[in-house]
Amino acid sequence: MEQNSQTNDTPATRQILEGQLRECYGRVVYSHKTHEKCSDILLTRLSTIKLWQIILSALTTGGFISTFLGAGEIGAGIGVVISTMLLILNAYTKNYDLGELAQKHKQAANEIWFLREKYLSLLTDLAMGEKPIEQLKIERDALLESLHTVYSGSPSTTFEAYKKAQDALQTKEDLTFSVEEIDAFLPKELKRS
């Protein structure tokens, strides 16, 4: 271990770096989960809109068929109201491609996941004490640049998605595993219990 090969590679310096990396790791964990939740919210919204488009299309067709079959002004009035609702819904989906936006959030989540794992590896390397502090700082700075690039190309998240991410991480303990859960995935030579 090259703990003191450079004058600034001290336990105090490593502790400061660890504090910063832990903070960054926590933010990246939240960003990853928030983008996942944004994607989920948008896909649910898109599914609901598509269902309503089908329902309103069927009702519009039914209203116009009833008019054709002699229901008169009432059938035509209902058909006009329903077709207007369908027009509004279609105009909304034309201006906001929820599927594309959901895909962008999913892509951002995938890229952030990779960086999250790199932060975890960097924290592990720091704890092992085998890399000099200068090397760890270079890796930290490279991660920061990569994260900036991902964030610059990502769509904005919403407060609703953040709250869902917070619930998933704090209450439902996403990303948290018991020793037994991890052991279930590993061969017996790597099990701890």
Protein backbone atom coordinates (compact mmCIF):
# COMPACT_ATOMS: atom_id res chain seq x y z
CA MET A 1 0.00 0.00 0.00
CA GLU A 2 1.41 3.37 -1.02
CA GLN A 3 -0.37 5.27 1.73
CA ASN A 4 2.25 7.97 2.25
CA SER A 5 4.24 7.89 -1.03
CA GLN A 6 3.01 11.41 -1.71
CA THR A 7 2.74 14.11 0.90
CA ASN A 8 -1.01 14.62 0.39
CA ASP A 9 -1.89 10.90 0.62
CA THR A 10 -2.85 10.79 4.29
CA PRO A 11 -5.71 9.12 6.15
CA ALA A 12 -7.34 12.55 6.56
CA THR A 13 -7.12 13.22 2.80
CA ARG A 14 -8.61 9.81 2.05
CA GLN A 15 -11.42 10.49 4.50
CA ILE A 16 -12.23 13.79 2.80
CA LEU A 17 -12.22 12.09 -0.62
CA GLU A 18 -14.43 9.32 0.73
CA GLY A 19 -16.93 11.89 2.02
CA GLN A 20 -17.12 13.53 -1.38
CA LEU A 21 -17.45 10.22 -3.23
CA ARG A 22 -20.18 9.03 -0.87
CA GLU A 23 -22.11 12.26 -1.47
CA CYS A 24 -21.73 11.89 -5.25
CA TYR A 25 -22.72 8.24 -5.06
CA GLY A 26 -25.90 9.11 -3.15
CA ARG A 27 -26.87 11.74 -5.71
CA VAL A 28 -26.23 9.35 -8.58
CA VAL A 29 -28.34 6.65 -6.91
CA TYR A 30 -31.23 9.12 -6.64
CA SER A 31 -30.78 10.38 -10.21
CA HIS A 32 -30.81 6.85 -11.57
CA LYS A 33 -33.96 5.90 -9.69
CA THR A 34 -35.70 9.20 -10.52
CA HIS A 35 -35.12 8.73 -14.25
CA GLU A 36 -36.47 5.18 -13.96
CA LYS A 37 -39.58 6.51 -12.22
CA CYS A 38 -40.03 9.25 -14.85
CA SER A 39 -39.98 6.59 -17.54
CA ASP A 40 -42.52 4.47 -15.63
CA ILE A 41 -44.84 7.45 -15.07
CA LEU A 42 -44.73 8.46 -18.74
CA LEU A 43 -45.34 4.91 -19.97
CA THR A 44 -48.33 4.56 -17.63
CA ARG A 45 -49.68 7.90 -18.84
CA LEU A 46 -49.16 6.86 -22.47
CA SER A 47 -50.96 3.56 -21.90
CA THR A 48 -53.90 5.38 -20.32
CA ILE A 49 -54.08 7.86 -23.21
CA LYS A 50 -53.99 5.05 -25.79
CA LEU A 51 -56.83 3.29 -23.97
CA TRP A 52 -58.90 6.47 -23.94
CA GLN A 53 -58.17 7.02 -27.63
CA ILE A 54 -59.59 3.58 -28.39
CA ILE A 55 -62.64 4.12 -26.17
CA LEU A 56 -63.38 7.58 -27.59
CA SER A 57 -62.88 6.35 -31.17
CA ALA A 58 -65.37 3.55 -30.56
CA LEU A 59 -67.87 5.94 -28.95
CA THR A 60 -67.45 8.46 -31.78
CA THR A 61 -68.07 5.76 -34.35
CA GLY A 62 -71.08 4.53 -32.39
CA GLY A 63 -72.49 8.06 -32.18
CA PHE A 64 -72.21 8.60 -35.91
CA ILE A 65 -73.61 5.16 -36.72
CA SER A 66 -76.60 5.87 -34.45
CA THR A 67 -77.12 9.15 -36.32
CA PHE A 68 -77.02 7.28 -39.62
CA LEU A 69 -79.53 4.77 -38.27
CA GLY A 70 -81.96 7.50 -37.25
CA ALA A 71 -81.05 8.66 -33.75
CA GLY A 72 -81.09 12.22 -35.07
CA GLU A 73 -79.70 15.26 -33.30
CA ILE A 74 -78.99 13.54 -29.98
CA GLY A 75 -76.73 10.94 -31.61
CA ALA A 76 -75.02 13.65 -33.67
CA GLY A 77 -74.52 15.86 -30.60
CA ILE A 78 -72.99 13.02 -28.61
CA GLY A 79 -70.77 12.15 -31.58
CA VAL A 80 -69.57 15.76 -31.89
CA VAL A 81 -68.75 16.05 -28.16
CA ILE A 82 -66.91 12.74 -28.07
CA SER A 83 -65.04 13.39 -31.32
CA THR A 84 -63.96 16.80 -29.93
CA MET A 85 -62.59 15.09 -26.82
CA LEU A 86 -60.74 12.63 -29.06
CA LEU A 87 -59.35 15.52 -31.13
CA ILE A 88 -58.00 17.21 -27.99
CA LEU A 89 -56.42 13.96 -26.82
CA ASN A 90 -54.85 13.36 -30.24
CA ALA A 91 -53.51 16.94 -30.37
CA TYR A 92 -51.91 16.44 -26.94
CA THR A 93 -50.18 13.23 -28.04
CA LYS A 94 -49.03 14.91 -31.27
CA ASN A 95 -47.27 17.69 -29.34
CA TYR A 96 -45.88 15.45 -26.58
CA ASP A 97 -44.42 12.13 -27.65
CA LEU A 98 -44.61 10.44 -24.27
CA GLY A 99 -43.13 7.20 -25.60
CA GLU A 100 -40.04 8.98 -26.91
CA LEU A 101 -39.64 10.97 -23.70
CA ALA A 102 -40.01 7.78 -21.62
CA GLN A 103 -37.30 6.17 -23.76
CA LYS A 104 -34.97 9.13 -23.16
CA HIS A 105 -35.47 8.78 -19.40
CA LYS A 106 -34.81 5.04 -19.65
CA GLN A 107 -31.62 5.70 -21.63
CA ALA A 108 -30.50 8.27 -19.05
CA ALA A 109 -31.21 5.77 -16.25
CA ASN A 110 -29.13 3.11 -18.03
CA GLU A 111 -26.19 5.48 -18.48
CA ILE A 112 -26.44 6.72 -14.90
CA TRP A 113 -26.62 3.13 -13.63
CA PHE A 114 -23.23 2.46 -15.22
CA LEU A 115 -21.75 5.55 -13.57
CA ARG A 116 -23.35 4.59 -10.25
CA GLU A 117 -21.54 1.27 -10.40
CA LYS A 118 -18.28 3.04 -11.23
CA TYR A 119 -18.72 5.28 -8.17
CA LEU A 120 -19.28 2.17 -6.05
CA SER A 121 -16.13 0.60 -7.48
CA LEU A 122 -14.18 3.78 -6.79
CA LEU A 123 -15.40 3.80 -3.18
CA THR A 124 -14.34 0.15 -2.92
CA ASP A 125 -10.90 0.96 -4.34
CA LEU A 126 -10.55 3.80 -1.85
CA ALA A 127 -11.50 1.53 1.07
CA MET A 128 -9.02 -1.14 -0.04
CA GLY A 129 -6.24 1.46 0.08
CA GLU A 130 -4.25 -0.02 -2.80
CA LYS A 131 -4.46 2.93 -5.19
CA PRO A 132 -2.66 6.21 -4.52
CA ILE A 133 -4.86 9.23 -3.82
CA GLU A 134 -3.76 10.94 -7.06
CA GLN A 135 -5.05 8.01 -9.14
CA LEU A 136 -8.34 8.03 -7.23
CA LYS A 137 -8.72 11.77 -7.85
CA ILE A 138 -8.11 11.28 -11.59
CA GLU A 139 -10.80 8.59 -11.69
CA ARG A 140 -13.16 10.81 -9.68
CA ASP A 141 -12.68 13.70 -12.10
CA ALA A 142 -13.26 11.44 -15.11
CA LEU A 143 -16.48 10.18 -13.53
CA LEU A 144 -17.61 13.75 -12.94
CA GLU A 145 -17.02 14.58 -16.63
CA SER A 146 -18.96 11.49 -17.72
CA LEU A 147 -21.81 12.35 -15.37
CA HIS A 148 -21.95 15.91 -16.71
CA THR A 149 -22.22 14.56 -20.26
CA VAL A 150 -25.09 12.24 -19.31
CA TYR A 151 -26.95 14.93 -17.38
CA SER A 152 -26.52 17.44 -20.23
CA GLY A 153 -28.25 15.09 -22.67
CA SER A 154 -30.98 13.91 -20.31
CA PRO A 155 -34.53 15.20 -20.05
CA SER A 156 -35.52 16.95 -16.84
CA THR A 157 -37.06 14.86 -14.11
CA THR A 158 -40.21 15.71 -12.18
CA PHE A 159 -40.98 16.15 -8.52
CA GLU A 160 -43.51 13.32 -8.75
CA ALA A 161 -40.80 10.97 -10.03
CA TYR A 162 -38.38 12.15 -7.33
CA LYS A 163 -40.94 11.39 -4.61
CA LYS A 164 -41.51 7.91 -6.08
CA ALA A 165 -37.75 7.36 -6.22
CA GLN A 166 -37.41 8.51 -2.61
CA ASP A 167 -40.14 6.09 -1.55
CA ALA A 168 -38.54 3.23 -3.49
CA LEU A 169 -35.09 3.85 -2.01
CA GLN A 170 -36.05 4.71 1.58
CA THR A 171 -39.25 2.79 2.27
CA LYS A 172 -39.15 -0.11 -0.14
CA GLU A 173 -35.35 -0.34 0.16
CA ASP A 174 -34.58 -0.73 -3.55
CA LEU A 175 -30.88 -1.48 -4.00
CA THR A 176 -30.74 -3.03 -0.53
CA PHE A 177 -30.21 -6.76 -0.12
CA SER A 178 -29.91 -9.00 2.89
CA VAL A 179 -26.99 -11.44 3.12
CA GLU A 180 -29.45 -14.28 2.49
CA GLU A 181 -30.81 -12.65 -0.68
CA ILE A 182 -27.31 -12.23 -2.12
CA ASP A 183 -26.34 -15.75 -1.08
CA ALA A 184 -29.29 -17.12 -3.04
CA PHE A 185 -27.69 -15.84 -6.27
CA LEU A 186 -24.15 -17.06 -5.57
CA PRO A 187 -22.48 -20.47 -5.79
CA LYS A 188 -21.89 -22.15 -2.44
CA GLU A 189 -18.18 -21.24 -2.44
CA LEU A 190 -19.10 -17.52 -2.30
CA LYS A 191 -21.97 -17.71 0.19
CA ARG A 192 -21.56 -16.04 3.59
CA SER A 193 -24.34 -17.79 5.49
